[in-house]
N, C-alpha and C. Protein backbone atom coordinates (compact mmCIF):
# COMPACT_ATOMS: atom_id res chain seq x y z
N MET A 1 0.86 -1.17 0.00
CA MET A 1 0.00 0.00 0.00
C MET A 1 0.89 1.22 0.00
N GLU A 2 0.58 2.18 -0.84
CA GLU A 2 1.36 3.40 -0.91
C GLU A 2 0.44 4.61 -0.96
N ALA A 3 0.55 5.49 0.01
CA ALA A 3 -0.18 6.77 0.06
C ALA A 3 -1.66 6.65 -0.32
N GLY A 4 -2.37 5.77 0.34
CA GLY A 4 -3.81 5.64 0.09
C GLY A 4 -4.19 4.77 -1.08
N ASN A 5 -3.22 4.12 -1.72
CA ASN A 5 -3.51 3.24 -2.84
C ASN A 5 -3.17 1.80 -2.50
N LEU A 6 -4.09 0.91 -2.81
CA LEU A 6 -3.84 -0.52 -2.72
C LEU A 6 -3.56 -0.99 -4.13
N CYS A 7 -2.39 -1.51 -4.39
CA CYS A 7 -1.99 -1.95 -5.73
C CYS A 7 -1.99 -3.47 -5.80
N PHE A 8 -2.64 -4.00 -6.81
CA PHE A 8 -2.74 -5.45 -7.00
C PHE A 8 -2.17 -5.83 -8.35
N GLN A 9 -1.51 -6.98 -8.41
CA GLN A 9 -0.95 -7.52 -9.64
C GLN A 9 -1.24 -9.01 -9.73
N GLN A 10 -1.15 -9.53 -10.91
CA GLN A 10 -1.29 -10.96 -11.18
C GLN A 10 -2.63 -11.53 -10.70
N LEU A 11 -3.69 -10.77 -10.90
CA LEU A 11 -5.03 -11.25 -10.59
C LEU A 11 -5.73 -11.64 -11.88
N PRO A 12 -6.74 -12.48 -11.81
CA PRO A 12 -7.47 -12.87 -13.03
C PRO A 12 -8.14 -11.66 -13.68
N LYS A 13 -7.97 -11.55 -14.98
CA LYS A 13 -8.58 -10.47 -15.76
C LYS A 13 -10.09 -10.43 -15.52
N GLY A 14 -10.60 -9.23 -15.24
CA GLY A 14 -12.04 -9.04 -15.04
C GLY A 14 -12.53 -9.36 -13.64
N SER A 15 -11.64 -9.86 -12.78
CA SER A 15 -12.08 -10.14 -11.40
C SER A 15 -12.23 -8.83 -10.64
N LYS A 16 -12.79 -8.91 -9.47
CA LYS A 16 -13.12 -7.71 -8.69
C LYS A 16 -12.32 -7.68 -7.39
N VAL A 17 -11.90 -6.48 -7.01
CA VAL A 17 -11.29 -6.24 -5.71
C VAL A 17 -12.27 -5.36 -4.95
N SER A 18 -12.66 -5.79 -3.76
CA SER A 18 -13.64 -5.04 -2.96
C SER A 18 -13.08 -4.67 -1.61
N VAL A 19 -13.49 -3.49 -1.12
CA VAL A 19 -13.12 -3.03 0.22
C VAL A 19 -14.42 -2.93 1.01
N PHE A 20 -14.48 -3.64 2.14
CA PHE A 20 -15.69 -3.67 2.96
C PHE A 20 -15.46 -2.95 4.28
N ALA A 21 -16.44 -2.17 4.70
CA ALA A 21 -16.40 -1.52 6.01
C ALA A 21 -16.65 -2.56 7.10
N ALA A 22 -16.42 -2.19 8.34
CA ALA A 22 -16.57 -3.11 9.46
C ALA A 22 -18.00 -3.66 9.57
N ASN A 23 -18.99 -2.91 9.09
CA ASN A 23 -20.38 -3.38 9.16
C ASN A 23 -20.75 -4.30 8.00
N GLY A 24 -19.79 -4.58 7.11
CA GLY A 24 -20.02 -5.51 6.01
C GLY A 24 -20.45 -4.89 4.70
N THR A 25 -20.68 -3.59 4.66
CA THR A 25 -21.08 -2.94 3.41
C THR A 25 -19.85 -2.70 2.54
N GLU A 26 -20.05 -2.83 1.24
CA GLU A 26 -18.96 -2.58 0.30
C GLU A 26 -18.72 -1.08 0.19
N ALA A 27 -17.51 -0.65 0.53
CA ALA A 27 -17.17 0.77 0.50
C ALA A 27 -16.57 1.19 -0.84
N LEU A 28 -15.77 0.32 -1.43
CA LEU A 28 -15.10 0.59 -2.71
C LEU A 28 -14.93 -0.71 -3.47
N SER A 29 -14.78 -0.60 -4.78
CA SER A 29 -14.44 -1.77 -5.58
C SER A 29 -13.73 -1.33 -6.85
N ALA A 30 -13.03 -2.25 -7.46
CA ALA A 30 -12.35 -2.01 -8.73
C ALA A 30 -12.30 -3.32 -9.49
N VAL A 31 -12.27 -3.21 -10.81
CA VAL A 31 -12.18 -4.38 -11.68
C VAL A 31 -10.76 -4.48 -12.21
N VAL A 32 -10.24 -5.69 -12.24
CA VAL A 32 -8.88 -5.95 -12.71
C VAL A 32 -8.84 -5.81 -14.23
N ASP A 33 -7.83 -5.10 -14.73
CA ASP A 33 -7.70 -4.88 -16.17
C ASP A 33 -7.08 -6.08 -16.88
N GLY A 34 -6.87 -5.96 -18.18
CA GLY A 34 -6.35 -7.04 -18.99
C GLY A 34 -4.94 -7.47 -18.67
N THR A 35 -4.20 -6.62 -17.94
CA THR A 35 -2.83 -6.97 -17.56
C THR A 35 -2.77 -7.66 -16.19
N GLY A 36 -3.92 -7.82 -15.55
CA GLY A 36 -3.96 -8.45 -14.23
C GLY A 36 -3.71 -7.49 -13.09
N LYS A 37 -3.77 -6.18 -13.38
CA LYS A 37 -3.48 -5.18 -12.36
C LYS A 37 -4.68 -4.28 -12.09
N THR A 38 -4.73 -3.74 -10.87
CA THR A 38 -5.69 -2.70 -10.53
C THR A 38 -5.18 -1.95 -9.30
N VAL A 39 -5.69 -0.73 -9.12
CA VAL A 39 -5.36 0.10 -7.97
C VAL A 39 -6.66 0.56 -7.34
N VAL A 40 -6.75 0.46 -6.02
CA VAL A 40 -7.92 0.95 -5.28
C VAL A 40 -7.44 2.11 -4.41
N ASN A 41 -8.00 3.28 -4.63
CA ASN A 41 -7.62 4.47 -3.86
C ASN A 41 -8.51 4.55 -2.62
N THR A 42 -7.91 4.40 -1.44
CA THR A 42 -8.66 4.40 -0.19
C THR A 42 -8.64 5.75 0.53
N SER A 43 -8.08 6.77 -0.09
CA SER A 43 -7.93 8.06 0.59
C SER A 43 -9.27 8.73 0.90
N SER A 44 -10.33 8.36 0.21
CA SER A 44 -11.65 8.96 0.47
C SER A 44 -12.41 8.27 1.60
N LEU A 45 -11.89 7.15 2.09
CA LEU A 45 -12.58 6.41 3.15
C LEU A 45 -12.34 7.07 4.51
N PRO A 46 -13.35 7.05 5.37
CA PRO A 46 -13.15 7.53 6.74
C PRO A 46 -12.16 6.63 7.49
N LYS A 47 -11.60 7.15 8.57
CA LYS A 47 -10.70 6.34 9.38
C LYS A 47 -11.43 5.11 9.88
N GLY A 48 -10.72 3.99 9.93
CA GLY A 48 -11.33 2.77 10.42
C GLY A 48 -10.63 1.53 9.90
N ILE A 49 -11.21 0.40 10.23
CA ILE A 49 -10.69 -0.90 9.82
C ILE A 49 -11.57 -1.42 8.69
N TYR A 50 -10.93 -1.95 7.65
CA TYR A 50 -11.63 -2.44 6.48
C TYR A 50 -11.11 -3.82 6.11
N VAL A 51 -11.95 -4.59 5.43
CA VAL A 51 -11.56 -5.89 4.91
C VAL A 51 -11.47 -5.77 3.40
N VAL A 52 -10.35 -6.21 2.85
CA VAL A 52 -10.13 -6.17 1.41
C VAL A 52 -10.17 -7.59 0.88
N LYS A 53 -10.95 -7.79 -0.18
CA LYS A 53 -11.08 -9.13 -0.74
C LYS A 53 -10.82 -9.07 -2.25
N SER A 54 -9.91 -9.93 -2.69
CA SER A 54 -9.64 -10.09 -4.13
C SER A 54 -9.90 -11.54 -4.49
N ALA A 55 -9.62 -11.87 -5.73
CA ALA A 55 -9.84 -13.25 -6.19
C ALA A 55 -8.91 -14.23 -5.50
N THR A 56 -7.78 -13.73 -4.97
CA THR A 56 -6.79 -14.64 -4.42
C THR A 56 -6.51 -14.47 -2.94
N GLN A 57 -6.98 -13.38 -2.33
CA GLN A 57 -6.67 -13.17 -0.91
C GLN A 57 -7.69 -12.26 -0.24
N THR A 58 -7.72 -12.35 1.08
CA THR A 58 -8.55 -11.49 1.92
C THR A 58 -7.68 -11.03 3.08
N PHE A 59 -7.72 -9.72 3.38
CA PHE A 59 -6.93 -9.19 4.48
C PHE A 59 -7.56 -7.92 5.03
N LYS A 60 -7.10 -7.51 6.22
CA LYS A 60 -7.60 -6.30 6.88
C LYS A 60 -6.61 -5.17 6.68
N ILE A 61 -7.15 -3.94 6.57
CA ILE A 61 -6.32 -2.75 6.54
C ILE A 61 -6.88 -1.75 7.54
N THR A 62 -6.05 -0.82 7.96
CA THR A 62 -6.50 0.28 8.81
C THR A 62 -6.26 1.57 8.04
N ASN A 63 -7.32 2.33 7.84
CA ASN A 63 -7.21 3.61 7.16
C ASN A 63 -7.05 4.68 8.23
N LYS A 64 -5.90 5.34 8.26
CA LYS A 64 -5.61 6.33 9.31
C LYS A 64 -5.73 7.74 8.78
């Protein structure tokens, strides 16, 4: 993660990356391009803990 951006590589083309708030609602999402890459900008999200889910992994982030 760099300055509010979550960068993903080597994901299946057309798959989705989603960011979920603690209450389970989808806060952001992005679709993976033809090169297997996408970037999700989290700078607009309020401070808090979020769950990020891609086609290959799920993890938590803290937006400060």
